Amino acid sequence: MESVSTDTLVRPDTTTDETTSDDTPKFFHYVKKDRIAESAVMGTVVVALCGEVFPVTRSPKPGSPVCPECKKVYESLRKGD
């Protein structure tokens, strides 16, 4: 059986790098869970499933808008389970 890396499938959390004029996030992105705390504390950058690169600055609230590209990539990866 062929081994496939699925570490991005460990229920990625969402975080954002885009804000609107009133500082409200435009979209939250799916990011590897283990990278979020490190980025928030150390200021390192994370890479979202859509390819966006940014430091974590906020956490989403339930119902927050999710990046459509991240969602599309995440759903296509889940189909391979």
N, C-alpha and C. Protein backbone atom coordinates (compact mmCIF):
# COMPACT_ATOMS: atom_id res chain seq x y z
N MET A 1 0.83 -1.17 0.00
CA MET A 1 0.00 0.00 0.00
C MET A 1 0.88 1.24 0.00
N GLU A 2 0.59 2.18 -0.88
CA GLU A 2 1.39 3.40 -1.01
C GLU A 2 1.06 4.38 0.11
N SER A 3 2.10 4.95 0.70
CA SER A 3 1.91 5.92 1.79
C SER A 3 1.72 7.32 1.21
N VAL A 4 0.68 8.00 1.65
CA VAL A 4 0.39 9.35 1.20
C VAL A 4 0.39 10.27 2.41
N SER A 5 1.08 11.40 2.31
CA SER A 5 1.12 12.36 3.41
C SER A 5 -0.21 13.09 3.48
N THR A 6 -0.83 13.05 4.65
CA THR A 6 -2.12 13.72 4.82
C THR A 6 -2.12 14.66 6.01
N ASP A 7 -0.93 15.21 6.36
CA ASP A 7 -0.90 16.04 7.55
C ASP A 7 -1.75 17.30 7.43
N THR A 8 -2.10 17.73 6.22
CA THR A 8 -3.00 18.88 6.12
C THR A 8 -4.44 18.47 6.35
N LEU A 9 -4.71 17.18 6.41
CA LEU A 9 -6.07 16.72 6.62
C LEU A 9 -6.45 16.58 8.08
N VAL A 10 -5.53 16.88 8.98
CA VAL A 10 -5.83 16.81 10.40
C VAL A 10 -6.67 18.03 10.74
N ARG A 11 -7.87 18.02 10.27
CA ARG A 11 -8.85 19.09 10.49
C ARG A 11 -8.16 20.45 10.56
N PRO A 12 -7.77 21.01 9.43
CA PRO A 12 -7.08 22.29 9.47
C PRO A 12 -7.95 23.34 10.13
N ASP A 13 -7.33 24.15 10.93
CA ASP A 13 -8.03 25.28 11.51
C ASP A 13 -7.99 26.41 10.50
N THR A 14 -8.79 27.41 10.75
CA THR A 14 -8.78 28.55 9.85
C THR A 14 -8.15 29.74 10.53
N THR A 15 -7.52 30.55 9.72
CA THR A 15 -6.92 31.79 10.18
C THR A 15 -6.90 32.74 9.00
N THR A 16 -6.60 33.99 9.21
CA THR A 16 -6.75 34.95 8.13
C THR A 16 -5.53 35.80 7.88
N ASP A 17 -5.43 36.31 6.68
CA ASP A 17 -4.42 37.31 6.36
C ASP A 17 -5.05 38.49 5.64
N GLU A 18 -6.32 38.41 5.35
CA GLU A 18 -6.99 39.47 4.60
C GLU A 18 -8.00 40.18 5.48
N THR A 19 -7.98 41.50 5.45
CA THR A 19 -8.95 42.26 6.24
C THR A 19 -9.65 43.27 5.36
N THR A 20 -10.82 43.67 5.80
CA THR A 20 -11.56 44.72 5.12
C THR A 20 -11.18 46.05 5.73
N SER A 21 -11.75 47.13 5.26
CA SER A 21 -11.38 48.46 5.74
C SER A 21 -11.68 48.66 7.22
N ASP A 22 -12.64 47.94 7.78
CA ASP A 22 -12.94 48.09 9.21
C ASP A 22 -12.22 47.04 10.05
N ASP A 23 -11.16 46.43 9.51
CA ASP A 23 -10.33 45.45 10.20
C ASP A 23 -11.05 44.12 10.46
N THR A 24 -12.17 43.90 9.80
CA THR A 24 -12.87 42.62 9.88
C THR A 24 -12.27 41.70 8.82
N PRO A 25 -11.92 40.47 9.18
CA PRO A 25 -11.33 39.56 8.19
C PRO A 25 -12.25 39.34 6.99
N LYS A 26 -11.67 39.35 5.80
CA LYS A 26 -12.43 39.08 4.58
C LYS A 26 -12.68 37.58 4.48
N PHE A 27 -11.63 36.79 4.67
CA PHE A 27 -11.71 35.32 4.63
C PHE A 27 -10.79 34.75 5.69
N PHE A 28 -11.13 33.58 6.17
CA PHE A 28 -10.22 32.79 6.99
C PHE A 28 -9.74 31.65 6.12
N HIS A 29 -8.49 31.25 6.31
CA HIS A 29 -7.86 30.22 5.49
C HIS A 29 -7.63 28.95 6.28
N TYR A 30 -7.65 27.79 5.59
CA TYR A 30 -7.28 26.52 6.21
C TYR A 30 -5.76 26.44 6.29
N VAL A 31 -5.27 26.14 7.49
CA VAL A 31 -3.83 26.07 7.76
C VAL A 31 -3.56 24.83 8.60
N LYS A 32 -2.37 24.23 8.46
CA LYS A 32 -2.02 23.08 9.29
C LYS A 32 -2.12 23.47 10.76
N LYS A 33 -2.83 22.66 11.51
CA LYS A 33 -3.11 22.95 12.92
C LYS A 33 -1.86 23.18 13.75
N ASP A 34 -0.84 22.35 13.53
CA ASP A 34 0.37 22.46 14.35
C ASP A 34 1.18 23.72 14.07
N ARG A 35 0.88 24.43 13.03
CA ARG A 35 1.62 25.65 12.68
C ARG A 35 0.97 26.91 13.26
N ILE A 36 -0.29 26.84 13.64
CA ILE A 36 -1.03 28.03 14.07
C ILE A 36 -0.47 28.64 15.35
N ALA A 37 -0.31 27.83 16.39
CA ALA A 37 0.19 28.36 17.67
C ALA A 37 1.59 28.91 17.51
N GLU A 38 2.45 28.19 16.80
CA GLU A 38 3.82 28.65 16.58
C GLU A 38 3.82 30.01 15.89
N SER A 39 3.00 30.17 14.87
CA SER A 39 2.93 31.43 14.15
C SER A 39 2.39 32.55 15.03
N ALA A 40 1.36 32.26 15.80
CA ALA A 40 0.76 33.27 16.66
C ALA A 40 1.74 33.76 17.72
N VAL A 41 2.54 32.84 18.27
CA VAL A 41 3.49 33.19 19.33
C VAL A 41 4.79 33.76 18.77
N MET A 42 5.34 33.10 17.77
CA MET A 42 6.66 33.47 17.26
C MET A 42 6.62 34.45 16.09
N GLY A 43 5.46 34.60 15.47
CA GLY A 43 5.35 35.50 14.33
C GLY A 43 5.82 34.90 13.02
N THR A 44 6.05 33.58 13.01
CA THR A 44 6.45 32.92 11.77
C THR A 44 5.26 32.88 10.82
N VAL A 45 5.53 32.64 9.54
CA VAL A 45 4.45 32.60 8.56
C VAL A 45 3.92 31.18 8.39
N VAL A 46 2.69 31.07 7.96
CA VAL A 46 2.06 29.80 7.65
C VAL A 46 1.67 29.82 6.18
N VAL A 47 1.43 28.63 5.63
CA VAL A 47 0.98 28.52 4.24
C VAL A 47 -0.40 27.87 4.26
N ALA A 48 -1.39 28.57 3.74
CA ALA A 48 -2.75 28.05 3.67
C ALA A 48 -2.86 27.04 2.52
N LEU A 49 -3.93 26.26 2.52
CA LEU A 49 -4.14 25.28 1.44
C LEU A 49 -4.22 25.95 0.08
N CYS A 50 -4.65 27.21 0.04
CA CYS A 50 -4.76 27.91 -1.24
C CYS A 50 -3.43 28.50 -1.69
N GLY A 51 -2.41 28.44 -0.83
CA GLY A 51 -1.10 28.96 -1.18
C GLY A 51 -0.77 30.31 -0.56
N GLU A 52 -1.73 30.96 0.07
CA GLU A 52 -1.46 32.25 0.74
C GLU A 52 -0.44 32.03 1.85
N VAL A 53 0.49 32.97 2.02
CA VAL A 53 1.52 32.91 3.04
C VAL A 53 1.38 34.15 3.91
N PHE A 54 1.28 33.94 5.24
CA PHE A 54 1.05 35.07 6.15
C PHE A 54 1.27 34.64 7.59
N PRO A 55 1.50 35.59 8.51
CA PRO A 55 1.57 35.25 9.94
C PRO A 55 0.15 35.18 10.51
N VAL A 56 -0.06 34.31 11.48
CA VAL A 56 -1.37 34.19 12.12
C VAL A 56 -1.58 35.38 13.05
N THR A 57 -2.70 36.06 12.86
CA THR A 57 -2.99 37.22 13.71
C THR A 57 -4.34 37.12 14.40
N ARG A 58 -5.22 36.23 13.96
CA ARG A 58 -6.56 36.09 14.54
C ARG A 58 -7.06 34.67 14.48
N SER A 59 -8.08 34.41 15.28
CA SER A 59 -8.77 33.12 15.25
C SER A 59 -10.19 33.34 14.76
N PRO A 60 -10.73 32.39 14.02
CA PRO A 60 -12.09 32.57 13.51
C PRO A 60 -13.14 32.32 14.59
N LYS A 61 -14.28 32.91 14.38
CA LYS A 61 -15.44 32.64 15.22
C LYS A 61 -16.38 31.76 14.40
N PRO A 62 -17.26 31.00 15.04
CA PRO A 62 -18.20 30.18 14.27
C PRO A 62 -18.95 31.04 13.25
N GLY A 63 -19.04 30.51 12.04
CA GLY A 63 -19.76 31.22 10.97
C GLY A 63 -18.89 32.20 10.20
N SER A 64 -17.60 32.27 10.53
CA SER A 64 -16.70 33.18 9.82
C SER A 64 -16.57 32.74 8.36
N PRO A 65 -16.39 33.69 7.44
CA PRO A 65 -16.24 33.33 6.02
C PRO A 65 -14.92 32.61 5.78
N VAL A 66 -14.96 31.53 5.00
CA VAL A 66 -13.78 30.72 4.70
C VAL A 66 -13.37 30.99 3.25
N CYS A 67 -12.07 31.05 3.02
CA CYS A 67 -11.53 31.23 1.67
C CYS A 67 -12.10 30.15 0.75
N PRO A 68 -12.75 30.52 -0.35
CA PRO A 68 -13.33 29.51 -1.24
C PRO A 68 -12.30 28.55 -1.82
N GLU A 69 -11.10 29.04 -2.11
CA GLU A 69 -10.06 28.17 -2.68
C GLU A 69 -9.57 27.16 -1.64
N CYS A 70 -9.37 27.60 -0.39
CA CYS A 70 -8.96 26.67 0.68
C CYS A 70 -10.03 25.58 0.86
N LYS A 71 -11.28 25.99 0.87
CA LYS A 71 -12.39 25.06 1.06
C LYS A 71 -12.42 24.03 -0.07
N LYS A 72 -12.22 24.50 -1.29
CA LYS A 72 -12.23 23.61 -2.46
C LYS A 72 -11.09 22.59 -2.36
N VAL A 73 -9.89 23.04 -1.99
CA VAL A 73 -8.74 22.14 -1.87
C VAL A 73 -8.99 21.14 -0.75
N TYR A 74 -9.46 21.62 0.40
CA TYR A 74 -9.72 20.75 1.57
C TYR A 74 -10.74 19.67 1.21
N GLU A 75 -11.83 20.05 0.54
CA GLU A 75 -12.86 19.07 0.18
C GLU A 75 -12.33 18.07 -0.85
N SER A 76 -11.47 18.48 -1.75
CA SER A 76 -10.93 17.53 -2.74
C SER A 76 -9.96 16.55 -2.06
N LEU A 77 -9.24 17.01 -1.03
CA LEU A 77 -8.34 16.12 -0.30
C LEU A 77 -9.11 15.10 0.52
N ARG A 78 -10.22 15.51 1.10
CA ARG A 78 -11.03 14.60 1.93
C ARG A 78 -11.65 13.47 1.12
N LYS A 79 -11.89 13.68 -0.16
CA LYS A 79 -12.49 12.64 -1.00
C LYS A 79 -11.59 11.42 -1.12
N GLY A 80 -10.29 11.60 -0.89
CA GLY A 80 -9.33 10.51 -0.99
C GLY A 80 -9.25 9.65 0.25
N ASP A 81 -10.01 9.98 1.31
CA ASP A 81 -9.97 9.21 2.57
C ASP A 81 -10.43 7.79 2.35
